[in-house]
N, C-alpha and C. Protein backbone atom coordinates (compact mmCIF):
# COMPACT_ATOMS: atom_id res chain seq x y z
N MET A 1 -4.49 -100.98 -62.83
CA MET A 1 -3.96 -100.64 -64.16
C MET A 1 -2.66 -101.28 -64.32
N ASN A 2 -2.47 -102.14 -65.55
CA ASN A 2 -1.18 -102.72 -65.76
C ASN A 2 -0.28 -101.89 -66.67
N GLU A 3 0.98 -102.23 -66.89
CA GLU A 3 1.93 -101.38 -67.61
C GLU A 3 1.56 -101.29 -69.04
N GLN A 4 0.76 -102.06 -69.58
CA GLN A 4 0.40 -101.91 -70.98
C GLN A 4 -0.57 -100.74 -71.19
N ASN A 5 -1.35 -100.45 -70.17
CA ASN A 5 -2.29 -99.33 -70.22
C ASN A 5 -1.74 -97.98 -69.65
N MET A 6 -0.63 -97.98 -69.13
CA MET A 6 -0.03 -96.80 -68.53
C MET A 6 0.55 -95.89 -69.68
N PRO A 7 0.17 -94.70 -69.78
CA PRO A 7 0.66 -93.80 -70.80
C PRO A 7 2.04 -93.22 -70.48
N GLY A 8 2.63 -92.84 -71.56
CA GLY A 8 3.92 -91.93 -71.36
C GLY A 8 5.10 -92.77 -70.91
N ALA A 9 6.11 -92.02 -70.39
CA ALA A 9 7.34 -92.51 -70.06
C ALA A 9 7.35 -93.52 -68.90
N ILE A 10 6.50 -93.33 -67.93
CA ILE A 10 6.40 -94.17 -66.76
C ILE A 10 6.09 -95.65 -67.34
N GLY A 11 5.02 -95.76 -68.19
CA GLY A 11 4.68 -97.03 -68.77
C GLY A 11 5.79 -97.70 -69.43
N ARG A 12 6.56 -96.87 -70.30
CA ARG A 12 7.67 -97.46 -71.00
C ARG A 12 8.80 -97.83 -70.12
N ALA A 13 8.99 -97.14 -69.00
CA ALA A 13 10.09 -97.51 -67.99
C ALA A 13 9.69 -98.71 -67.32
N ILE A 14 8.44 -98.90 -67.11
CA ILE A 14 8.08 -100.16 -66.20
C ILE A 14 8.15 -101.36 -67.18
N ARG A 15 7.71 -101.12 -68.47
CA ARG A 15 7.88 -102.22 -69.43
C ARG A 15 9.29 -102.66 -69.63
N PHE A 16 10.20 -101.61 -69.69
CA PHE A 16 11.62 -101.89 -69.88
C PHE A 16 12.18 -102.68 -68.62
N LEU A 17 11.90 -102.26 -67.53
CA LEU A 17 12.38 -102.82 -66.37
C LEU A 17 11.85 -104.29 -66.07
N ARG A 18 10.67 -104.58 -66.54
CA ARG A 18 10.11 -106.00 -66.43
C ARG A 18 10.42 -106.79 -67.63
N GLY A 19 10.94 -106.29 -68.65
CA GLY A 19 11.27 -107.12 -69.75
C GLY A 19 12.49 -107.99 -69.54
N GLU A 20 12.44 -109.06 -70.22
CA GLU A 20 13.52 -110.07 -70.04
C GLU A 20 14.17 -110.38 -71.38
N ASP A 21 14.13 -109.55 -72.35
CA ASP A 21 14.77 -109.73 -73.69
C ASP A 21 16.29 -109.82 -73.68
N GLY A 22 16.89 -109.08 -72.86
CA GLY A 22 18.32 -109.03 -72.78
C GLY A 22 18.95 -109.89 -71.70
N ALA A 23 18.16 -110.67 -71.03
CA ALA A 23 18.59 -111.37 -69.79
C ALA A 23 19.56 -112.51 -70.24
N VAL A 24 19.40 -113.14 -71.33
CA VAL A 24 20.12 -114.21 -71.91
C VAL A 24 21.62 -113.66 -72.17
N THR A 25 21.71 -112.45 -72.74
CA THR A 25 23.00 -111.85 -72.99
C THR A 25 23.69 -111.52 -71.65
N ILE A 26 23.02 -110.99 -70.76
CA ILE A 26 23.63 -110.76 -69.48
C ILE A 26 24.19 -111.99 -68.86
N ASP A 27 23.39 -113.09 -68.88
CA ASP A 27 23.79 -114.40 -68.30
C ASP A 27 25.13 -114.86 -68.96
N TRP A 28 25.15 -114.82 -70.31
CA TRP A 28 26.40 -115.15 -71.08
C TRP A 28 27.56 -114.36 -70.70
N ILE A 29 27.33 -113.10 -70.52
CA ILE A 29 28.53 -112.22 -70.16
C ILE A 29 28.98 -112.57 -68.75
N ALA A 30 28.08 -112.81 -67.89
CA ALA A 30 28.41 -113.20 -66.50
C ALA A 30 29.22 -114.57 -66.55
N LEU A 31 28.63 -115.56 -67.23
CA LEU A 31 29.32 -116.82 -67.28
C LEU A 31 30.76 -116.74 -67.93
N THR A 32 30.77 -116.05 -69.05
CA THR A 32 32.08 -115.91 -69.70
C THR A 32 33.06 -115.15 -68.80
N ALA A 33 32.67 -114.13 -68.11
CA ALA A 33 33.60 -113.39 -67.23
C ALA A 33 34.05 -114.27 -66.14
N SER A 34 33.25 -115.10 -65.61
CA SER A 34 33.58 -116.06 -64.56
C SER A 34 34.56 -117.06 -65.01
N MET A 35 34.35 -117.53 -66.28
CA MET A 35 35.30 -118.55 -66.83
C MET A 35 36.68 -118.05 -67.04
N VAL A 36 36.62 -116.69 -67.56
CA VAL A 36 38.06 -116.04 -67.72
C VAL A 36 38.66 -115.90 -66.51
N PHE A 37 37.97 -115.46 -65.42
CA PHE A 37 38.54 -115.22 -64.12
C PHE A 37 39.15 -116.52 -63.60
N LEU A 38 38.38 -117.70 -63.68
CA LEU A 38 38.83 -118.83 -63.11
C LEU A 38 40.00 -119.44 -63.90
N GLY A 39 40.04 -119.15 -65.18
CA GLY A 39 41.18 -119.55 -65.99
C GLY A 39 42.43 -118.71 -65.65
N ALA A 40 42.24 -117.50 -65.45
CA ALA A 40 43.33 -116.67 -64.99
C ALA A 40 43.89 -117.03 -63.65
N ALA A 41 43.15 -117.32 -62.80
CA ALA A 41 43.43 -117.82 -61.44
C ALA A 41 44.14 -119.16 -61.47
N ALA A 42 43.58 -120.08 -62.23
CA ALA A 42 44.31 -121.40 -62.37
C ALA A 42 45.71 -121.17 -63.09
N GLY A 43 45.79 -120.33 -64.03
CA GLY A 43 47.08 -120.07 -64.68
C GLY A 43 48.02 -119.42 -63.68
N PHE A 44 47.60 -118.54 -62.81
CA PHE A 44 48.37 -117.89 -61.83
C PHE A 44 48.92 -118.92 -60.85
N PHE A 45 48.07 -119.76 -60.34
CA PHE A 45 48.48 -120.70 -59.27
C PHE A 45 49.41 -121.82 -59.92
N ALA A 46 49.21 -122.17 -61.13
CA ALA A 46 50.03 -123.11 -61.85
C ALA A 46 51.46 -122.56 -62.06
N THR A 47 51.52 -121.28 -62.47
CA THR A 47 52.84 -120.70 -62.72
C THR A 47 53.57 -120.26 -61.60
N SER A 48 52.82 -119.95 -60.48
CA SER A 48 53.49 -119.52 -59.33
C SER A 48 54.33 -120.71 -58.58
N GLU A 49 53.87 -121.92 -58.73
CA GLU A 49 54.52 -123.06 -58.20
C GLU A 49 55.64 -123.59 -59.22
N LEU A 50 55.66 -123.17 -60.35
CA LEU A 50 56.54 -123.66 -61.37
C LEU A 50 58.12 -123.48 -61.02
N PRO A 51 58.44 -122.41 -60.58
CA PRO A 51 59.85 -122.20 -60.27
C PRO A 51 60.35 -123.08 -59.14
N GLN A 52 59.49 -123.30 -58.07
CA GLN A 52 59.99 -124.27 -57.01
C GLN A 52 60.04 -125.76 -57.46
N LEU A 53 59.09 -126.03 -58.37
CA LEU A 53 59.16 -127.35 -58.93
C LEU A 53 60.34 -127.62 -59.92
N ALA A 54 60.71 -126.60 -60.63
CA ALA A 54 61.93 -126.64 -61.47
C ALA A 54 63.11 -126.71 -60.66
N ALA A 55 63.14 -126.04 -59.45
CA ALA A 55 64.35 -126.09 -58.60
C ALA A 55 64.46 -127.39 -58.03
N ARG A 56 63.36 -128.05 -57.58
CA ARG A 56 63.45 -129.46 -56.98
C ARG A 56 63.95 -130.51 -58.04
N VAL A 57 63.39 -130.30 -59.28
CA VAL A 57 63.81 -131.26 -60.26
C VAL A 57 65.36 -131.03 -60.54
N ASP A 58 65.75 -129.84 -60.66
CA ASP A 58 67.15 -129.57 -60.91
C ASP A 58 68.02 -130.10 -59.79
N ASN A 59 67.59 -129.97 -58.62
CA ASN A 59 68.43 -130.46 -57.48
C ASN A 59 68.42 -132.04 -57.54
N ALA A 60 67.19 -132.62 -57.80
CA ALA A 60 67.27 -134.10 -57.88
C ALA A 60 68.19 -134.64 -58.99
N LEU A 61 68.22 -133.90 -60.14
CA LEU A 61 69.06 -134.41 -61.20
C LEU A 61 70.43 -134.07 -61.03
N GLU A 62 70.84 -133.09 -60.26
CA GLU A 62 72.18 -132.76 -59.96
C GLU A 62 72.90 -133.86 -58.97
N THR A 63 72.02 -134.39 -58.12
CA THR A 63 72.49 -135.26 -57.06
C THR A 63 72.58 -136.80 -57.56
N ARG A 64 72.11 -137.03 -58.76
CA ARG A 64 72.07 -138.29 -59.26
C ARG A 64 73.53 -138.59 -59.87
N PRO A 65 74.15 -139.68 -59.62
CA PRO A 65 75.42 -140.06 -60.21
C PRO A 65 75.26 -140.52 -61.65
N VAL A 66 76.09 -140.17 -62.46
CA VAL A 66 76.11 -140.59 -63.82
C VAL A 66 77.19 -141.71 -64.09
N MET A 67 76.71 -142.97 -64.40
CA MET A 67 77.63 -144.05 -64.48
C MET A 67 78.02 -144.40 -65.94
N PRO A 68 79.17 -144.21 -66.37
CA PRO A 68 79.53 -144.60 -67.73
C PRO A 68 79.31 -146.06 -68.08
N ASP A 69 78.94 -146.43 -69.20
CA ASP A 69 78.73 -147.85 -69.64
C ASP A 69 79.98 -148.54 -69.95
């Protein structure tokens, strides 16, 4: 007996669990969430190194002599 012939709530539950109508929506939600997470992680790593880079540039500029023309 397949799920189309099953009466009542059990048949509806089986049809619901085997249905793939919302699968595309779930895929897009998962892909979007992973892209947001990767973007946030990339932003965190980029900004966490920024103060050290700024300090190195500042140090390099301070040690350069300025020669008047």
